[in-house]
Protein backbone atom coordinates (compact mmCIF):
# COMPACT_ATOMS: atom_id res chain seq x y z
CA MET A 1 -107.33 -93.80 76.20
CA ARG A 2 -106.79 -95.79 79.42
CA SER A 3 -108.95 -98.28 81.22
CA SER A 4 -110.09 -97.12 84.66
CA SER A 5 -110.34 -100.73 85.85
CA TRP A 6 -106.60 -101.45 85.57
CA PRO A 7 -103.90 -100.07 87.91
CA TYR A 8 -101.01 -97.94 86.64
CA GLY A 9 -102.79 -97.03 83.40
CA LEU A 10 -102.64 -100.38 81.59
CA PRO A 11 -103.52 -99.85 77.89
CA ILE A 12 -106.83 -101.29 76.67
CA PHE A 13 -106.34 -104.51 74.71
CA ARG A 14 -108.05 -103.55 71.47
CA ARG A 15 -106.86 -105.27 68.33
CA ASP A 16 -106.00 -102.02 66.57
CA LEU A 17 -103.80 -100.92 69.50
CA ILE A 18 -101.89 -104.12 70.18
CA ASN A 19 -98.25 -103.32 69.83
CA TRP A 20 -95.62 -105.50 71.44
CA GLN A 21 -93.08 -102.71 71.73
CA LEU A 22 -95.62 -100.47 73.46
CA TRP A 23 -96.51 -103.26 75.88
CA ARG A 24 -92.83 -103.94 76.54
CA LEU A 25 -92.23 -100.25 77.20
CA TRP A 26 -95.13 -100.19 79.67
CA LEU A 27 -93.64 -103.13 81.54
CA LEU A 28 -90.26 -101.42 81.83
CA THR A 29 -91.59 -98.03 82.89
CA THR A 30 -94.52 -98.81 85.20
CA ALA A 31 -93.68 -102.09 86.92
CA MET A 32 -93.71 -101.70 90.69
CA GLU A 33 -92.49 -103.62 93.72
CA TRP A 34 -93.43 -103.59 97.41
CA VAL A 35 -90.77 -102.52 99.91
CA PRO A 36 -91.93 -103.50 103.41
CA PHE A 37 -89.25 -101.97 105.63
CA GLY A 38 -88.47 -98.72 107.40
CA ARG A 39 -88.68 -95.32 105.76
CA LEU A 40 -88.73 -96.96 102.33
CA ALA A 41 -92.04 -98.76 102.98
CA GLY A 42 -94.58 -98.55 100.18
CA TRP A 43 -94.73 -98.95 96.44
CA ARG A 44 -91.83 -97.70 94.39
CA ARG A 45 -90.69 -98.09 90.83
CA TYR A 46 -88.70 -101.22 90.29
CA GLN A 47 -85.05 -100.60 89.41
CA MET A 48 -84.22 -102.96 86.58
CA PRO A 49 -80.87 -104.64 87.33
CA THR A 50 -78.06 -103.51 85.09
CA VAL A 51 -75.75 -106.15 83.72
CA GLY A 52 -72.58 -105.35 81.85
CA LYS A 53 -72.37 -106.26 78.20
CA ASN A 54 -69.63 -108.72 79.04
CA ARG A 55 -71.32 -111.15 81.40
CA SER A 56 -68.86 -113.08 83.51
CA ARG A 57 -68.90 -116.82 84.07
CA PHE A 58 -70.15 -116.08 87.59
CA SER A 59 -73.15 -113.97 86.56
CA ALA A 60 -75.63 -116.75 87.34
CA ASP A 61 -74.05 -117.29 90.76
CA VAL A 62 -74.10 -113.57 91.52
CA SER A 63 -77.79 -113.42 90.57
CA ARG A 64 -78.61 -116.32 92.88
CA LEU A 65 -76.70 -114.70 95.74
CA GLU A 66 -78.56 -111.45 95.10
CA GLU A 67 -81.91 -113.23 95.30
CA HIS A 68 -80.87 -115.17 98.40
CA TYR A 69 -79.68 -112.19 100.44
CA SER A 70 -82.50 -109.92 99.31
CA ARG A 71 -84.96 -112.55 100.55
CA LEU A 72 -83.10 -112.81 103.87
CA PHE A 73 -83.37 -109.05 104.33
CA MET A 74 -87.10 -109.11 103.66
CA GLU A 75 -87.46 -111.87 106.27
CA HIS A 76 -85.12 -110.55 108.97
CA ASN A 77 -84.75 -106.83 108.24
CA ASP A 78 -81.48 -105.21 109.32
CA THR A 79 -80.28 -107.93 111.71
CA PRO A 80 -77.33 -110.38 111.71
CA ALA A 81 -79.64 -113.09 110.35
CA ALA A 82 -80.08 -111.06 107.16
CA VAL A 83 -76.42 -111.75 106.34
CA GLN A 84 -76.33 -115.31 107.72
CA GLN A 85 -74.64 -114.29 110.97
CA ARG A 86 -75.45 -115.96 114.28
CA ASP A 87 -75.41 -112.76 116.33
CA ARG A 88 -73.72 -109.37 116.59
CA THR A 89 -70.95 -110.70 118.82
CA THR A 90 -69.65 -113.27 116.34
CA GLN A 91 -70.29 -110.94 113.40
CA GLU A 92 -68.20 -108.18 114.93
CA SER A 93 -65.50 -110.61 116.06
CA ARG A 94 -65.01 -111.65 112.43
CA MET A 95 -64.86 -108.05 111.31
CA LEU A 96 -62.32 -107.05 113.94
CA ARG A 97 -60.04 -109.88 112.81
CA LEU A 98 -60.10 -108.44 109.30
CA CYS A 99 -59.24 -104.98 110.59
CA GLU A 100 -55.97 -106.30 112.03
CA VAL A 101 -54.59 -106.23 108.48
CA GLY A 102 -52.95 -102.83 109.04
CA ASP A 103 -53.41 -99.25 110.17
CA ILE A 104 -56.82 -98.53 108.70
CA SER A 105 -57.78 -95.51 110.81
CA GLU A 106 -57.45 -93.02 107.93
CA ALA A 107 -57.35 -95.42 105.01
CA ALA A 108 -59.52 -95.79 101.92
CA ILE A 109 -61.39 -99.05 102.45
CA LEU A 110 -63.50 -101.21 100.17
CA ASP A 111 -65.90 -103.53 101.98
CA TRP A 112 -66.81 -106.17 99.40
CA GLY A 113 -70.05 -107.84 100.41
CA CYS A 114 -70.93 -104.97 102.72
CA GLY A 115 -74.53 -105.94 103.45
CA SER A 116 -76.19 -103.08 105.30
CA GLY A 117 -72.86 -101.54 106.29
CA HIS A 118 -72.30 -102.96 109.77
CA LEU A 119 -68.53 -103.05 109.25
CA LEU A 120 -68.60 -99.26 108.93
CA HIS A 121 -70.43 -99.09 112.26
CA VAL A 122 -67.70 -101.24 113.84
CA LEU A 123 -64.95 -99.14 112.28
CA ARG A 124 -66.37 -95.89 113.60
CA THR A 125 -67.53 -96.99 117.04
CA GLN A 126 -64.68 -99.32 118.00
CA LEU A 127 -61.66 -98.29 115.91
CA ASN A 128 -62.07 -94.51 115.54
CA PHE A 129 -62.12 -94.81 111.76
CA GLN A 130 -61.75 -91.45 109.98
CA GLY A 131 -61.00 -92.69 106.49
CA GLN A 132 -62.94 -93.16 103.27
CA TYR A 133 -65.36 -96.08 103.10
CA THR A 134 -66.90 -97.75 100.04
CA GLY A 135 -69.21 -100.74 100.24
CA TYR A 136 -70.21 -103.07 97.39
CA ASP A 137 -73.02 -105.60 97.53
CA VAL A 138 -75.44 -107.35 95.18
CA SER A 139 -78.51 -107.02 97.43
CA GLU A 140 -80.36 -103.78 96.83
CA PRO A 141 -82.44 -103.99 100.05
CA HIS A 142 -79.25 -104.19 102.10
CA LEU A 143 -77.73 -101.29 100.19
CA GLN A 144 -80.80 -99.11 100.67
CA ALA A 145 -80.69 -99.73 104.42
CA ALA A 146 -76.97 -98.89 104.48
CA ARG A 147 -77.50 -95.61 102.64
CA LEU A 148 -80.14 -94.56 105.15
CA LYS A 149 -77.83 -95.29 108.09
CA PHE A 150 -74.66 -93.84 106.58
CA PRO A 151 -75.54 -91.13 104.04
CA ASP A 152 -71.94 -89.86 104.04
CA ALA A 153 -70.51 -93.18 102.80
CA THR A 154 -70.62 -94.78 99.35
CA PHE A 155 -72.67 -97.93 98.79
CA ASP A 156 -72.96 -99.41 95.30
CA ARG A 157 -74.39 -102.47 93.63
CA ARG A 158 -71.45 -103.79 91.64
CA ASP A 159 -70.53 -107.10 90.02
CA ILE A 160 -66.74 -107.02 90.12
CA PHE A 161 -66.48 -110.03 87.80
CA SER A 162 -68.03 -108.15 84.89
CA LYS A 163 -67.18 -104.54 85.83
CA GLY A 164 -63.97 -104.73 87.84
CA ALA A 165 -63.28 -103.15 91.22
CA GLY A 166 -64.11 -99.63 90.09
CA GLY A 167 -61.14 -97.84 91.61
CA GLU A 168 -58.17 -98.15 93.96
CA PHE A 169 -58.28 -98.59 97.72
CA ASP A 170 -55.73 -98.91 100.50
CA TYR A 171 -57.41 -102.02 101.89
CA VAL A 172 -60.10 -104.43 100.72
CA LEU A 173 -61.98 -106.30 103.46
CA ILE A 174 -64.16 -109.35 102.74
CA SER A 175 -66.26 -111.05 105.41
CA GLY A 176 -68.51 -114.03 104.75
CA VAL A 177 -68.67 -113.66 100.97
CA PHE A 178 -67.07 -117.04 100.26
CA ASN A 179 -69.33 -119.07 102.57
CA ASN A 180 -72.29 -119.97 100.34
CA LYS A 181 -71.98 -122.98 98.07
CA ILE A 182 -72.23 -122.09 94.37
CA ASN A 183 -71.30 -123.80 91.09
CA ASP A 184 -67.53 -123.45 91.45
CA ASN A 185 -66.53 -121.89 94.74
CA TRP A 186 -62.80 -122.31 94.29
CA GLU A 187 -62.69 -120.51 90.94
CA PHE A 188 -65.02 -117.82 92.30
CA MET A 189 -62.73 -117.30 95.28
CA LYS A 190 -59.52 -117.18 93.26
CA GLU A 191 -60.86 -114.72 90.71
CA ALA A 192 -62.35 -112.44 93.37
CA ILE A 193 -59.09 -112.33 95.31
CA SER A 194 -57.14 -111.59 92.13
CA ILE A 195 -59.47 -108.80 90.98
CA LEU A 196 -59.67 -107.13 94.37
CA PHE A 197 -55.98 -107.40 95.22
CA SER A 198 -55.19 -105.63 91.95
CA ALA A 199 -57.29 -102.72 93.28
CA THR A 200 -55.40 -102.42 96.58
CA ARG A 201 -52.48 -100.18 97.43
CA LYS A 202 -51.62 -101.99 100.67
CA ALA A 203 -53.46 -105.23 101.45
CA ILE A 204 -56.52 -107.42 101.25
CA ALA A 205 -58.06 -109.38 104.13
CA PHE A 206 -60.73 -112.06 103.90
CA ASN A 207 -62.20 -114.94 105.87
CA ALA A 208 -63.56 -118.34 104.88
CA LEU A 209 -64.88 -121.52 106.46
CA SER A 210 -62.17 -124.04 107.26
CA TYR A 211 -62.12 -127.61 106.02
CA TYR A 212 -60.80 -128.60 109.46
CA VAL A 213 -64.13 -128.79 111.28
CA ASP A 214 -66.21 -131.48 112.97
CA TYR A 215 -69.44 -130.61 111.13
CA PHE A 216 -70.28 -129.77 107.51
CA ASP A 217 -73.37 -127.92 106.30
CA ASP A 218 -74.37 -129.03 102.80
CA HIS A 219 -75.20 -125.46 101.79
CA LEU A 220 -71.85 -123.97 102.79
CA PHE A 221 -68.38 -124.00 101.24
CA TYR A 222 -65.45 -125.25 103.29
CA VAL A 223 -61.92 -124.91 101.99
CA ASP A 224 -58.50 -126.12 103.04
CA PRO A 225 -56.71 -123.04 104.45
CA CYS A 226 -53.37 -124.43 103.25
CA LYS A 227 -54.72 -124.47 99.70
CA VAL A 228 -55.79 -120.84 100.00
CA PHE A 229 -52.43 -119.86 101.49
CA GLU A 230 -50.56 -121.60 98.67
CA PHE A 231 -52.65 -119.93 95.98
CA CYS A 232 -52.11 -116.46 97.46
CA LYS A 233 -48.40 -117.07 98.05
CA LYS A 234 -47.75 -118.29 94.50
CA ASN A 235 -50.12 -116.08 92.54
CA ILE A 236 -50.96 -112.91 94.47
CA SER A 237 -48.13 -111.80 96.76
CA PRO A 238 -45.21 -113.33 98.70
CA LEU A 239 -46.46 -111.55 101.83
CA VAL A 240 -49.27 -113.75 103.14
CA SER A 241 -50.43 -114.33 106.72
CA LEU A 242 -52.94 -116.97 107.83
CA ARG A 243 -54.82 -116.99 111.15
CA HIS A 244 -56.60 -120.17 112.20
CA ASP A 245 -56.29 -119.82 115.97
CA TYR A 246 -59.42 -117.95 117.07
CA ARG A 247 -62.78 -119.24 118.32
CA LEU A 248 -65.99 -117.44 117.46
CA LYS A 249 -67.98 -119.53 119.93
CA PRO A 250 -66.63 -120.84 123.27
CA GLY A 251 -66.02 -124.57 123.42
CA THR A 252 -65.88 -125.08 119.65
CA LEU A 253 -63.11 -125.71 117.18
CA PRO A 254 -61.84 -122.70 115.21
CA TYR A 255 -64.12 -123.29 112.23
CA GLU A 256 -63.01 -120.38 110.08
CA PHE A 257 -59.77 -118.63 109.20
CA THR A 258 -58.61 -115.19 108.11
CA VAL A 259 -56.01 -114.43 105.46
CA TYR A 260 -54.03 -111.20 105.02
CA VAL A 261 -52.30 -110.61 101.68
CA ARG A 262 -50.04 -107.56 101.61
CA ARG A 263 -48.07 -105.71 98.99
CA GLY A 264 -44.29 -105.70 99.26
């Protein structure tokens, strides 16, 4: 018997029916969340996040990043601000730098930290990309938007630190993932590069905020590009290129850099 005064069929709280397992099952099967954007607007069943049995040391950081970027999407919808980008021009400039890693026109690409898939838009509209694209992110709202825009591509929620890269790719591209300050950014960065390079057949390309700037934001992570270069050179591959010569905004110092790490 169900109470007509409660939504979603909440069981009546009578003493002879109280059962913690039943209540727990109800929570898992009928909990709902509001999705306020686009074709997905309305109530839907909440997808309980899946975490691997072997939680990584970065699981707490990944969860915080998931919450942060999901909130940004709810606030800004599918715009550059939802991925902490100033505008489309600077966002695409960063992405095009990454794409200089090699001939990617027909390659299998993993976009780690794909957001709502704007890199795929850049690849197809500006670089005549005809290859296979996979995007990983931790923010489900971003992923849902990406799937609506690009139903022929693969977008997954995946924690590489606990589940690995999930396959092999010609190139792995990473834009903006290392920018937010977390508990141990340097260890996070090193482990991510190591995991993802092991999944590449040709190369990995990523960007980061440079320590050589005239302004520091307390919420962002800045790293010495020489330190990153040395780590990659000694531990990942002898074939490393570093670019620190481009401006994203006129009249400013080059405040970020891009690294290409290739297989021999």
